[in-house]
Amino acid sequence: MKILDMKIGTLIYILKQTNLNESEKIELMNFVETASKEQIFHLLITGRMISESDIDQTIQESNNKHKEIVEQRLNELVLGAAGLATLIAYLAIVGAMAIIGMAIEVFMLTVSKQYRKCIKFKNVESEFELCAANVRLDAYEEKLKFLKDKISLCNKAKDPKECDLKVKLEINKTEKKIEAAKNEIKKAEEKVKSQKK
């Protein structure tokens, strides 16, 4: 995953958080601006900022605990009645942004959940890039599945036609990102092969 894409996604995620006040959001956004990939993933997994020097030890300590939390939140969003009730309530207020916002959260949570398997490659750039590209593909596929599963709920939005159109546009964008991610994987695989020769 490209660092710029990751930072943009994280900034959107921070802006969506209703449990943070404006100064906390600004502090987190300023942190994200200069953070490394590992620092951003740590922020997404734990909700806390961390220095580069402490990242290795803390990620190892938090892996098991936060894997369970991330899986629980993903299950709530994708399968749970509470996630569905929240989505329907938001649809009446903000329309398509409710579905798109939750789809972005599914993407971010999937990345957070799967990123840990890439940590073992952090000292081998080509292997890390390949692992990260596979994580990104999986996350986009989960986002696409969520969008396709939930588009029928647009009939509960204040403007169903506009909601349907916006979600379909997001589906189209996500499908393009999936194709781009598949191309990234091919390039990363070639890079890994060439370095092993």
N, C-alpha and C. Protein backbone atom coordinates (compact mmCIF):
# COMPACT_ATOMS: atom_id res chain seq x y z
N MET A 1 0.84 -1.18 0.00
CA MET A 1 0.00 0.00 0.00
C MET A 1 0.88 1.24 0.00
N LYS A 2 0.56 2.19 -0.85
CA LYS A 2 1.34 3.40 -0.91
C LYS A 2 1.07 4.24 0.33
N ILE A 3 2.13 4.86 0.85
CA ILE A 3 2.02 5.62 2.09
C ILE A 3 1.01 6.76 1.97
N LEU A 4 0.96 7.41 0.81
CA LEU A 4 0.02 8.52 0.63
C LEU A 4 -1.43 8.03 0.72
N ASP A 5 -1.73 6.90 0.07
CA ASP A 5 -3.08 6.32 0.15
C ASP A 5 -3.42 5.97 1.60
N MET A 6 -2.46 5.41 2.28
CA MET A 6 -2.68 5.03 3.67
C MET A 6 -2.97 6.25 4.53
N LYS A 7 -2.21 7.32 4.30
CA LYS A 7 -2.41 8.54 5.09
C LYS A 7 -3.76 9.17 4.80
N ILE A 8 -4.16 9.19 3.54
CA ILE A 8 -5.46 9.77 3.18
C ILE A 8 -6.58 8.95 3.82
N GLY A 9 -6.50 7.64 3.71
CA GLY A 9 -7.51 6.78 4.33
C GLY A 9 -7.57 6.97 5.84
N THR A 10 -6.42 7.13 6.47
CA THR A 10 -6.37 7.32 7.91
C THR A 10 -6.97 8.67 8.30
N LEU A 11 -6.68 9.71 7.52
CA LEU A 11 -7.25 11.02 7.80
C LEU A 11 -8.77 10.99 7.71
N ILE A 12 -9.30 10.29 6.70
CA ILE A 12 -10.76 10.14 6.57
C ILE A 12 -11.32 9.40 7.78
N TYR A 13 -10.62 8.35 8.18
CA TYR A 13 -11.05 7.56 9.33
C TYR A 13 -11.09 8.42 10.59
N ILE A 14 -10.07 9.24 10.80
CA ILE A 14 -10.01 10.12 11.97
C ILE A 14 -11.17 11.11 11.95
N LEU A 15 -11.42 11.70 10.80
CA LEU A 15 -12.51 12.68 10.68
C LEU A 15 -13.86 12.08 11.03
N LYS A 16 -14.04 10.79 10.75
CA LYS A 16 -15.32 10.12 11.01
C LYS A 16 -15.56 9.82 12.48
N GLN A 17 -14.52 9.86 13.29
CA GLN A 17 -14.65 9.43 14.67
C GLN A 17 -15.45 10.45 15.49
N THR A 18 -16.57 10.00 16.04
CA THR A 18 -17.44 10.88 16.82
C THR A 18 -17.00 10.96 18.28
N ASN A 19 -16.13 10.06 18.70
CA ASN A 19 -15.69 10.05 20.09
C ASN A 19 -14.47 10.95 20.33
N LEU A 20 -14.01 11.65 19.29
CA LEU A 20 -12.87 12.56 19.41
C LEU A 20 -13.33 13.99 19.26
N ASN A 21 -12.76 14.89 20.09
CA ASN A 21 -13.08 16.31 19.89
C ASN A 21 -12.17 16.88 18.81
N GLU A 22 -12.41 18.13 18.45
CA GLU A 22 -11.68 18.73 17.32
C GLU A 22 -10.18 18.78 17.56
N SER A 23 -9.75 19.14 18.78
CA SER A 23 -8.31 19.24 19.05
C SER A 23 -7.63 17.86 19.00
N GLU A 24 -8.34 16.82 19.45
CA GLU A 24 -7.78 15.47 19.37
C GLU A 24 -7.64 15.03 17.91
N LYS A 25 -8.64 15.35 17.10
CA LYS A 25 -8.56 15.01 15.68
C LYS A 25 -7.38 15.73 15.01
N ILE A 26 -7.19 17.00 15.32
CA ILE A 26 -6.09 17.77 14.74
C ILE A 26 -4.75 17.19 15.17
N GLU A 27 -4.63 16.82 16.44
CA GLU A 27 -3.39 16.22 16.93
C GLU A 27 -3.08 14.92 16.18
N LEU A 28 -4.09 14.07 16.01
CA LEU A 28 -3.89 12.81 15.30
C LEU A 28 -3.55 13.06 13.83
N MET A 29 -4.22 14.02 13.21
CA MET A 29 -3.97 14.31 11.80
C MET A 29 -2.55 14.84 11.60
N ASN A 30 -2.08 15.67 12.53
CA ASN A 30 -0.70 16.17 12.45
C ASN A 30 0.30 15.02 12.61
N PHE A 31 -0.01 14.07 13.48
CA PHE A 31 0.84 12.90 13.66
C PHE A 31 0.92 12.09 12.37
N VAL A 32 -0.24 11.85 11.75
CA VAL A 32 -0.30 11.05 10.53
C VAL A 32 0.52 11.67 9.40
N GLU A 33 0.55 12.99 9.36
CA GLU A 33 1.26 13.71 8.30
C GLU A 33 2.72 13.28 8.18
N THR A 34 3.38 13.01 9.30
CA THR A 34 4.82 12.67 9.26
C THR A 34 5.09 11.22 9.69
N ALA A 35 4.04 10.45 9.97
CA ALA A 35 4.22 9.09 10.49
C ALA A 35 4.67 8.11 9.40
N SER A 36 5.36 7.07 9.83
CA SER A 36 5.74 5.97 8.94
C SER A 36 4.54 5.03 8.78
N LYS A 37 4.65 4.06 7.86
CA LYS A 37 3.58 3.07 7.69
C LYS A 37 3.31 2.33 9.00
N GLU A 38 4.38 1.92 9.66
CA GLU A 38 4.23 1.16 10.90
C GLU A 38 3.53 1.98 11.96
N GLN A 39 3.88 3.28 12.05
CA GLN A 39 3.24 4.15 13.04
C GLN A 39 1.75 4.32 12.74
N ILE A 40 1.41 4.43 11.46
CA ILE A 40 0.01 4.58 11.08
C ILE A 40 -0.77 3.31 11.39
N PHE A 41 -0.20 2.15 11.06
CA PHE A 41 -0.88 0.90 11.38
C PHE A 41 -1.07 0.76 12.89
N HIS A 42 -0.07 1.15 13.64
CA HIS A 42 -0.20 1.08 15.10
C HIS A 42 -1.32 1.99 15.58
N LEU A 43 -1.40 3.17 15.03
CA LEU A 43 -2.47 4.11 15.39
C LEU A 43 -3.84 3.50 15.07
N LEU A 44 -3.98 2.88 13.91
CA LEU A 44 -5.26 2.27 13.52
C LEU A 44 -5.60 1.07 14.40
N ILE A 45 -4.59 0.32 14.78
CA ILE A 45 -4.83 -0.89 15.57
C ILE A 45 -5.15 -0.53 17.02
N THR A 46 -4.39 0.40 17.60
CA THR A 46 -4.51 0.67 19.04
C THR A 46 -5.21 1.99 19.37
N GLY A 47 -5.24 2.91 18.42
CA GLY A 47 -5.80 4.23 18.71
C GLY A 47 -4.79 5.15 19.40
N ARG A 48 -3.52 4.71 19.47
CA ARG A 48 -2.50 5.51 20.15
C ARG A 48 -1.34 5.84 19.21
N MET A 49 -0.76 7.02 19.43
CA MET A 49 0.43 7.42 18.68
C MET A 49 1.65 6.77 19.34
N ILE A 50 2.69 6.52 18.54
CA ILE A 50 3.90 5.86 19.06
C ILE A 50 5.11 6.36 18.28
N SER A 51 6.24 6.43 18.98
CA SER A 51 7.48 6.83 18.31
C SER A 51 8.00 5.66 17.50
N GLU A 52 8.82 5.96 16.50
CA GLU A 52 9.40 4.92 15.64
C GLU A 52 10.23 3.93 16.45
N SER A 53 10.93 4.42 17.47
CA SER A 53 11.82 3.54 18.25
C SER A 53 11.06 2.52 19.10
N ASP A 54 9.83 2.85 19.48
CA ASP A 54 9.05 1.95 20.32
C ASP A 54 8.13 1.03 19.52
N ILE A 55 8.09 1.21 18.21
CA ILE A 55 7.09 0.53 17.39
C ILE A 55 7.22 -0.99 17.43
N ASP A 56 8.42 -1.52 17.28
CA ASP A 56 8.60 -2.98 17.22
C ASP A 56 8.09 -3.68 18.46
N GLN A 57 8.52 -3.22 19.61
CA GLN A 57 8.15 -3.87 20.86
C GLN A 57 6.64 -3.77 21.10
N THR A 58 6.08 -2.61 20.86
CA THR A 58 4.67 -2.40 21.16
C THR A 58 3.77 -3.17 20.21
N ILE A 59 4.13 -3.24 18.93
CA ILE A 59 3.31 -4.00 17.97
C ILE A 59 3.28 -5.47 18.39
N GLN A 60 4.43 -6.01 18.77
CA GLN A 60 4.48 -7.41 19.19
C GLN A 60 3.58 -7.64 20.40
N GLU A 61 3.62 -6.74 21.38
CA GLU A 61 2.82 -6.90 22.59
C GLU A 61 1.33 -6.78 22.32
N SER A 62 0.95 -5.93 21.36
CA SER A 62 -0.47 -5.67 21.15
C SER A 62 -1.12 -6.56 20.10
N ASN A 63 -0.34 -7.37 19.41
CA ASN A 63 -0.88 -8.17 18.30
C ASN A 63 -2.12 -8.98 18.69
N ASN A 64 -2.00 -9.86 19.66
CA ASN A 64 -3.09 -10.77 19.99
C ASN A 64 -4.33 -10.04 20.50
N LYS A 65 -4.11 -9.07 21.39
CA LYS A 65 -5.23 -8.34 21.98
C LYS A 65 -6.02 -7.59 20.91
N HIS A 66 -5.35 -6.89 20.05
CA HIS A 66 -6.04 -6.05 19.08
C HIS A 66 -6.57 -6.82 17.88
N LYS A 67 -6.00 -7.98 17.62
CA LYS A 67 -6.55 -8.84 16.57
C LYS A 67 -7.98 -9.21 16.93
N GLU A 68 -8.19 -9.56 18.17
CA GLU A 68 -9.53 -9.93 18.64
C GLU A 68 -10.50 -8.74 18.54
N ILE A 69 -10.04 -7.55 18.92
CA ILE A 69 -10.89 -6.35 18.86
C ILE A 69 -11.25 -6.02 17.42
N VAL A 70 -10.27 -6.08 16.53
CA VAL A 70 -10.53 -5.77 15.12
C VAL A 70 -11.50 -6.78 14.52
N GLU A 71 -11.31 -8.06 14.82
CA GLU A 71 -12.21 -9.08 14.30
C GLU A 71 -13.63 -8.87 14.81
N GLN A 72 -13.75 -8.49 16.07
CA GLN A 72 -15.07 -8.24 16.65
C GLN A 72 -15.76 -7.08 15.94
N ARG A 73 -15.02 -5.99 15.70
CA ARG A 73 -15.61 -4.82 15.03
C ARG A 73 -15.99 -5.15 13.58
N LEU A 74 -15.14 -5.92 12.89
CA LEU A 74 -15.47 -6.34 11.52
C LEU A 74 -16.75 -7.18 11.50
N ASN A 75 -16.86 -8.08 12.46
CA ASN A 75 -18.07 -8.91 12.53
C ASN A 75 -19.31 -8.07 12.80
N GLU A 76 -19.17 -7.05 13.66
CA GLU A 76 -20.29 -6.15 13.93
C GLU A 76 -20.73 -5.42 12.67
N LEU A 77 -19.74 -4.91 11.93
CA LEU A 77 -20.05 -4.15 10.72
C LEU A 77 -20.65 -5.02 9.63
N VAL A 78 -20.06 -6.17 9.41
CA VAL A 78 -20.45 -6.99 8.27
C VAL A 78 -21.63 -7.89 8.59
N LEU A 79 -21.65 -8.47 9.79
CA LEU A 79 -22.67 -9.47 10.09
C LEU A 79 -23.68 -9.04 11.15
N GLY A 80 -23.27 -8.12 12.03
CA GLY A 80 -24.06 -7.86 13.22
C GLY A 80 -25.30 -7.00 13.03
N ALA A 81 -26.28 -7.26 13.88
CA ALA A 81 -27.52 -6.48 13.86
C ALA A 81 -27.25 -5.03 14.29
N ALA A 82 -26.32 -4.84 15.22
CA ALA A 82 -26.00 -3.48 15.68
C ALA A 82 -25.42 -2.66 14.55
N GLY A 83 -24.53 -3.27 13.77
CA GLY A 83 -23.95 -2.56 12.62
C GLY A 83 -25.01 -2.21 11.59
N LEU A 84 -25.94 -3.12 11.37
CA LEU A 84 -27.02 -2.88 10.40
C LEU A 84 -27.94 -1.77 10.90
N ALA A 85 -28.28 -1.79 12.18
CA ALA A 85 -29.16 -0.76 12.74
C ALA A 85 -28.51 0.62 12.65
N THR A 86 -27.22 0.68 12.94
CA THR A 86 -26.48 1.95 12.84
C THR A 86 -26.47 2.44 11.40
N LEU A 87 -26.23 1.53 10.47
CA LEU A 87 -26.19 1.89 9.05
C LEU A 87 -27.54 2.44 8.60
N ILE A 88 -28.63 1.79 8.97
CA ILE A 88 -29.96 2.25 8.56
C ILE A 88 -30.27 3.63 9.16
N ALA A 89 -29.86 3.84 10.42
CA ALA A 89 -30.08 5.15 11.06
C ALA A 89 -29.29 6.24 10.32
N TYR A 90 -28.04 5.97 9.98
CA TYR A 90 -27.23 6.95 9.26
C TYR A 90 -27.75 7.21 7.84
N LEU A 91 -28.30 6.17 7.21
CA LEU A 91 -28.83 6.34 5.84
C LEU A 91 -29.88 7.43 5.79
N ALA A 92 -30.73 7.48 6.79
CA ALA A 92 -31.80 8.48 6.81
C ALA A 92 -31.24 9.89 6.93
N ILE A 93 -30.04 10.01 7.49
CA ILE A 93 -29.45 11.35 7.71
C ILE A 93 -28.50 11.75 6.58
N VAL A 94 -27.56 10.88 6.26
CA VAL A 94 -26.50 11.25 5.31
C VAL A 94 -26.51 10.44 4.02
N GLY A 95 -27.47 9.56 3.84
CA GLY A 95 -27.59 8.81 2.58
C GLY A 95 -26.40 7.90 2.31
N ALA A 96 -25.90 7.97 1.07
CA ALA A 96 -24.85 7.06 0.60
C ALA A 96 -23.59 7.12 1.46
N MET A 97 -23.31 8.27 2.05
CA MET A 97 -22.08 8.38 2.85
C MET A 97 -22.08 7.40 4.03
N ALA A 98 -23.26 6.99 4.48
CA ALA A 98 -23.32 6.01 5.55
C ALA A 98 -22.74 4.67 5.07
N ILE A 99 -23.18 4.23 3.90
CA ILE A 99 -22.68 2.95 3.35
C ILE A 99 -21.20 3.08 2.99
N ILE A 100 -20.84 4.17 2.32
CA ILE A 100 -19.45 4.37 1.89
C ILE A 100 -18.53 4.50 3.10
N GLY A 101 -18.97 5.25 4.10
CA GLY A 101 -18.16 5.42 5.32
C GLY A 101 -17.90 4.10 6.02
N MET A 102 -18.94 3.28 6.14
CA MET A 102 -18.76 1.98 6.79
C MET A 102 -17.91 1.05 5.91
N ALA A 103 -18.03 1.17 4.59
CA ALA A 103 -17.19 0.36 3.70
C ALA A 103 -15.72 0.72 3.87
N ILE A 104 -15.44 2.02 4.04
CA ILE A 104 -14.06 2.47 4.28
C ILE A 104 -13.57 1.91 5.61
N GLU A 105 -14.46 1.89 6.60
CA GLU A 105 -14.06 1.33 7.89
C GLU A 105 -13.77 -0.17 7.75
N VAL A 106 -14.57 -0.89 6.97
CA VAL A 106 -14.30 -2.31 6.72
C VAL A 106 -12.92 -2.46 6.08
N PHE A 107 -12.61 -1.59 5.10
CA PHE A 107 -11.30 -1.61 4.44
C PHE A 107 -10.19 -1.42 5.48
N MET A 108 -10.31 -0.36 6.29
CA MET A 108 -9.26 -0.04 7.26
C MET A 108 -9.10 -1.16 8.30
N LEU A 109 -10.21 -1.71 8.77
CA LEU A 109 -10.13 -2.77 9.76
C LEU A 109 -9.51 -4.04 9.16
N THR A 110 -9.83 -4.33 7.91
CA THR A 110 -9.24 -5.50 7.25
C THR A 110 -7.72 -5.32 7.12
N VAL A 111 -7.30 -4.12 6.75
CA VAL A 111 -5.86 -3.83 6.68
C VAL A 111 -5.24 -4.01 8.06
N SER A 112 -5.86 -3.44 9.09
CA SER A 112 -5.31 -3.55 10.44
C SER A 112 -5.20 -4.99 10.89
N LYS A 113 -6.21 -5.78 10.56
CA LYS A 113 -6.23 -7.19 10.97
C LYS A 113 -5.14 -8.00 10.29
N GLN A 114 -4.94 -7.76 9.00
CA GLN A 114 -4.03 -8.61 8.22
C GLN A 114 -2.59 -8.09 8.16
N TYR A 115 -2.37 -6.84 8.49
CA TYR A 115 -1.04 -6.25 8.34
C TYR A 115 0.01 -6.98 9.17
N ARG A 116 -0.39 -7.52 10.30
CA ARG A 116 0.58 -8.17 11.20
C ARG A 116 1.43 -9.22 10.49
N LYS A 117 0.81 -9.92 9.53
CA LYS A 117 1.57 -10.97 8.86
C LYS A 117 2.70 -10.41 8.02
N CYS A 118 2.68 -9.11 7.72
CA CYS A 118 3.74 -8.49 6.92
C CYS A 118 4.93 -8.05 7.77
N ILE A 119 4.74 -7.93 9.06
CA ILE A 119 5.79 -7.40 9.93
C ILE A 119 7.07 -8.23 9.84
N LYS A 120 6.91 -9.54 9.66
CA LYS A 120 8.10 -10.40 9.59
C LYS A 120 8.98 -10.08 8.38
N PHE A 121 8.42 -9.35 7.39
CA PHE A 121 9.18 -9.00 6.19
C PHE A 121 9.72 -7.57 6.22
N LYS A 122 9.59 -6.89 7.34
CA LYS A 122 9.90 -5.45 7.35
C LYS A 122 11.35 -5.12 6.96
N ASN A 123 12.25 -6.06 7.11
CA ASN A 123 13.64 -5.81 6.74
C ASN A 123 13.97 -6.22 5.31
N VAL A 124 13.00 -6.79 4.61
CA VAL A 124 13.18 -7.18 3.20
C VAL A 124 12.12 -6.43 2.41
N GLU A 125 12.51 -5.33 1.82
CA GLU A 125 11.55 -4.42 1.20
C GLU A 125 10.65 -5.09 0.17
N SER A 126 11.22 -5.91 -0.71
CA SER A 126 10.41 -6.53 -1.77
C SER A 126 9.37 -7.49 -1.19
N GLU A 127 9.75 -8.27 -0.19
CA GLU A 127 8.81 -9.20 0.45
C GLU A 127 7.72 -8.42 1.19
N PHE A 128 8.12 -7.34 1.86
CA PHE A 128 7.14 -6.51 2.57
C PHE A 128 6.15 -5.89 1.59
N GLU A 129 6.65 -5.37 0.46
CA GLU A 129 5.76 -4.78 -0.55
C GLU A 129 4.78 -5.81 -1.09
N LEU A 130 5.23 -7.03 -1.32
CA LEU A 130 4.35 -8.09 -1.81
C LEU A 130 3.28 -8.42 -0.77
N CYS A 131 3.68 -8.56 0.45
CA CYS A 131 2.74 -8.86 1.52
C CYS A 131 1.72 -7.72 1.66
N ALA A 132 2.20 -6.48 1.67
CA ALA A 132 1.31 -5.32 1.81
C ALA A 132 0.34 -5.22 0.63
N ALA A 133 0.81 -5.54 -0.57
CA ALA A 133 -0.06 -5.51 -1.75
C ALA A 133 -1.17 -6.55 -1.63
N ASN A 134 -0.84 -7.72 -1.11
CA ASN A 134 -1.86 -8.76 -0.90
C ASN A 134 -2.88 -8.34 0.17
N VAL A 135 -2.39 -7.69 1.22
CA VAL A 135 -3.29 -7.18 2.26
C VAL A 135 -4.23 -6.13 1.66
N ARG A 136 -3.67 -5.25 0.86
CA ARG A 136 -4.47 -4.20 0.24
C ARG A 136 -5.55 -4.81 -0.67
N LEU A 137 -5.18 -5.81 -1.46
CA LEU A 137 -6.15 -6.48 -2.33
C LEU A 137 -7.28 -7.09 -1.50
N ASP A 138 -6.93 -7.83 -0.45
CA ASP A 138 -7.94 -8.43 0.41
C ASP A 138 -8.87 -7.38 1.00
N ALA A 139 -8.30 -6.24 1.43
CA ALA A 139 -9.10 -5.18 2.05
C ALA A 139 -10.05 -4.55 1.03
N TYR A 140 -9.57 -4.31 -0.19
CA TYR A 140 -10.45 -3.77 -1.22
C TYR A 140 -11.55 -4.76 -1.59
N GLU A 141 -11.23 -6.05 -1.60
CA GLU A 141 -12.26 -7.04 -1.91
C GLU A 141 -13.32 -7.10 -0.82
N GLU A 142 -12.91 -6.95 0.45
CA GLU A 142 -13.88 -6.90 1.55
C GLU A 142 -14.75 -5.65 1.45
N LYS A 143 -14.12 -4.53 1.09
CA LYS A 143 -14.88 -3.28 0.92
C LYS A 143 -15.91 -3.45 -0.20
N LEU A 144 -15.50 -4.03 -1.32
CA LEU A 144 -16.40 -4.23 -2.45
C LEU A 144 -17.58 -5.13 -2.06
N LYS A 145 -17.29 -6.20 -1.36
CA LYS A 145 -18.33 -7.12 -0.92
C LYS A 145 -19.34 -6.37 -0.03
N PHE A 146 -18.83 -5.55 0.89
CA PHE A 146 -19.70 -4.78 1.79
C PHE A 146 -20.59 -3.84 0.99
N LEU A 147 -19.99 -3.11 0.04
CA LEU A 147 -20.76 -2.17 -0.79
C LEU A 147 -21.87 -2.88 -1.56
N LYS A 148 -21.52 -4.01 -2.17
CA LYS A 148 -22.51 -4.76 -2.96
C LYS A 148 -23.61 -5.35 -2.07
N ASP A 149 -23.22 -5.79 -0.88
CA ASP A 149 -24.22 -6.35 0.04
C ASP A 149 -25.18 -5.29 0.57
N LYS A 150 -24.70 -4.06 0.74
CA LYS A 150 -25.50 -3.03 1.41
C LYS A 150 -26.19 -2.05 0.47
N ILE A 151 -25.91 -2.08 -0.83
CA ILE A 151 -26.50 -1.10 -1.75
C ILE A 151 -28.03 -1.16 -1.75
N SER A 152 -28.58 -2.32 -1.49
CA SER A 152 -30.04 -2.44 -1.48
C SER A 152 -30.67 -1.62 -0.35
N LEU A 153 -29.89 -1.26 0.65
CA LEU A 153 -30.40 -0.45 1.75
C LEU A 153 -30.61 1.01 1.35
N CYS A 154 -30.16 1.38 0.15
CA CYS A 154 -30.37 2.76 -0.31
C CYS A 154 -31.86 3.12 -0.36
N ASN A 155 -32.73 2.11 -0.43
CA ASN A 155 -34.16 2.42 -0.44
C ASN A 155 -34.63 3.03 0.88
N LYS A 156 -33.77 2.98 1.91
CA LYS A 156 -34.10 3.59 3.20
C LYS A 156 -33.49 4.99 3.35
N ALA A 157 -32.74 5.43 2.35
CA ALA A 157 -32.10 6.75 2.39
C ALA A 157 -33.12 7.84 2.09
N LYS A 158 -32.78 9.09 2.46
CA LYS A 158 -33.72 10.18 2.19
C LYS A 158 -33.87 10.43 0.69
N ASP A 159 -32.82 10.13 -0.10
CA ASP A 159 -32.89 10.21 -1.56
C ASP A 159 -32.34 8.90 -2.14
N PRO A 160 -33.20 7.89 -2.28
CA PRO A 160 -32.74 6.56 -2.70
C PRO A 160 -31.98 6.54 -4.03
N LYS A 161 -32.41 7.32 -5.01
CA LYS A 161 -31.74 7.31 -6.32
C LYS A 161 -30.32 7.86 -6.21
N GLU A 162 -30.18 8.97 -5.49
CA GLU A 162 -28.84 9.56 -5.32
C GLU A 162 -27.94 8.60 -4.55
N CYS A 163 -28.47 7.98 -3.51
CA CYS A 163 -27.70 7.01 -2.72
C CYS A 163 -27.22 5.87 -3.62
N ASP A 164 -28.13 5.31 -4.41
CA ASP A 164 -27.80 4.20 -5.30
C ASP A 164 -26.70 4.60 -6.29
N LEU A 165 -26.82 5.80 -6.86
CA LEU A 165 -25.82 6.29 -7.81
C LEU A 165 -24.45 6.43 -7.16
N LYS A 166 -24.41 7.04 -5.98
CA LYS A 166 -23.13 7.27 -5.29
C LYS A 166 -22.47 5.96 -4.87
N VAL A 167 -23.27 5.01 -4.40
CA VAL A 167 -22.69 3.72 -3.99
C VAL A 167 -22.17 2.97 -5.22
N LYS A 168 -22.92 3.05 -6.34
CA LYS A 168 -22.45 2.41 -7.57
C LYS A 168 -21.13 3.03 -8.05
N LEU A 169 -20.99 4.35 -7.92
CA LEU A 169 -19.72 5.01 -8.27
C LEU A 169 -18.59 4.51 -7.38
N GLU A 170 -18.89 4.34 -6.09
CA GLU A 170 -17.87 3.84 -5.16
C GLU A 170 -17.51 2.39 -5.49
N ILE A 171 -18.49 1.60 -5.89
CA ILE A 171 -18.23 0.22 -6.31
C ILE A 171 -17.29 0.22 -7.51
N ASN A 172 -17.57 1.09 -8.48
CA ASN A 172 -16.74 1.20 -9.67
C ASN A 172 -15.30 1.59 -9.32
N LYS A 173 -15.15 2.58 -8.44
CA LYS A 173 -13.81 3.01 -8.00
C LYS A 173 -13.08 1.87 -7.30
N THR A 174 -13.80 1.15 -6.46
CA THR A 174 -13.19 0.05 -5.71
C THR A 174 -12.77 -1.08 -6.64
N GLU A 175 -13.57 -1.36 -7.66
CA GLU A 175 -13.20 -2.39 -8.64
C GLU A 175 -11.92 -1.99 -9.38
N LYS A 176 -11.77 -0.71 -9.69
CA LYS A 176 -10.54 -0.23 -10.33
C LYS A 176 -9.35 -0.37 -9.39
N LYS A 177 -9.58 -0.09 -8.10
CA LYS A 177 -8.49 -0.23 -7.13
C LYS A 177 -8.09 -1.69 -6.95
N ILE A 178 -9.05 -2.59 -7.08
CA ILE A 178 -8.74 -4.03 -7.02
C ILE A 178 -7.84 -4.41 -8.19
N GLU A 179 -8.16 -3.93 -9.37
CA GLU A 179 -7.32 -4.21 -10.55
C GLU A 179 -5.92 -3.64 -10.36
N ALA A 180 -5.86 -2.41 -9.83
CA ALA A 180 -4.54 -1.79 -9.57
C ALA A 180 -3.76 -2.60 -8.55
N ALA A 181 -4.45 -3.09 -7.52
CA ALA A 181 -3.79 -3.89 -6.49
C ALA A 181 -3.27 -5.20 -7.08
N LYS A 182 -4.03 -5.81 -7.98
CA LYS A 182 -3.57 -7.04 -8.64
C LYS A 182 -2.31 -6.78 -9.47
N ASN A 183 -2.27 -5.62 -10.13
CA ASN A 183 -1.07 -5.24 -10.89
C ASN A 183 0.12 -5.01 -9.96
N GLU A 184 -0.13 -4.39 -8.81
CA GLU A 184 0.93 -4.18 -7.82
C GLU A 184 1.50 -5.52 -7.35
N ILE A 185 0.62 -6.49 -7.16
CA ILE A 185 1.06 -7.82 -6.71
C ILE A 185 1.96 -8.46 -7.77
N LYS A 186 1.56 -8.37 -9.04
CA LYS A 186 2.39 -8.93 -10.12
C LYS A 186 3.77 -8.29 -10.13
N LYS A 187 3.82 -6.95 -10.02
CA LYS A 187 5.11 -6.25 -10.00
C LYS A 187 5.94 -6.65 -8.79
N ALA A 188 5.28 -6.76 -7.64
CA ALA A 188 5.99 -7.12 -6.42
C ALA A 188 6.52 -8.56 -6.51
N GLU A 189 5.74 -9.46 -7.11
CA GLU A 189 6.20 -10.84 -7.29
C GLU A 189 7.41 -10.91 -8.20
N GLU A 190 7.39 -10.12 -9.26
CA GLU A 190 8.54 -10.07 -10.17
C GLU A 190 9.78 -9.54 -9.46
N LYS A 191 9.58 -8.53 -8.63
CA LYS A 191 10.70 -7.95 -7.89
C LYS A 191 11.29 -8.97 -6.92
N VAL A 192 10.42 -9.72 -6.23
CA VAL A 192 10.89 -10.74 -5.31
C VAL A 192 11.68 -11.81 -6.04
N LYS A 193 11.14 -12.27 -7.19
CA LYS A 193 11.81 -13.30 -8.00
C LYS A 193 13.17 -12.83 -8.47
N SER A 194 13.25 -11.58 -8.94
CA SER A 194 14.51 -11.07 -9.48
C SER A 194 15.57 -10.94 -8.38
N GLN A 195 15.13 -10.66 -7.15
CA GLN A 195 16.09 -10.52 -6.05
C GLN A 195 16.56 -11.87 -5.54
N LYS A 196 15.79 -12.92 -5.81
CA LYS A 196 16.18 -14.25 -5.34
C LYS A 196 17.15 -14.94 -6.27
N LYS A 197 17.30 -14.38 -7.48
CA LYS A 197 18.22 -14.99 -8.47
C LYS A 197 19.65 -14.75 -8.12
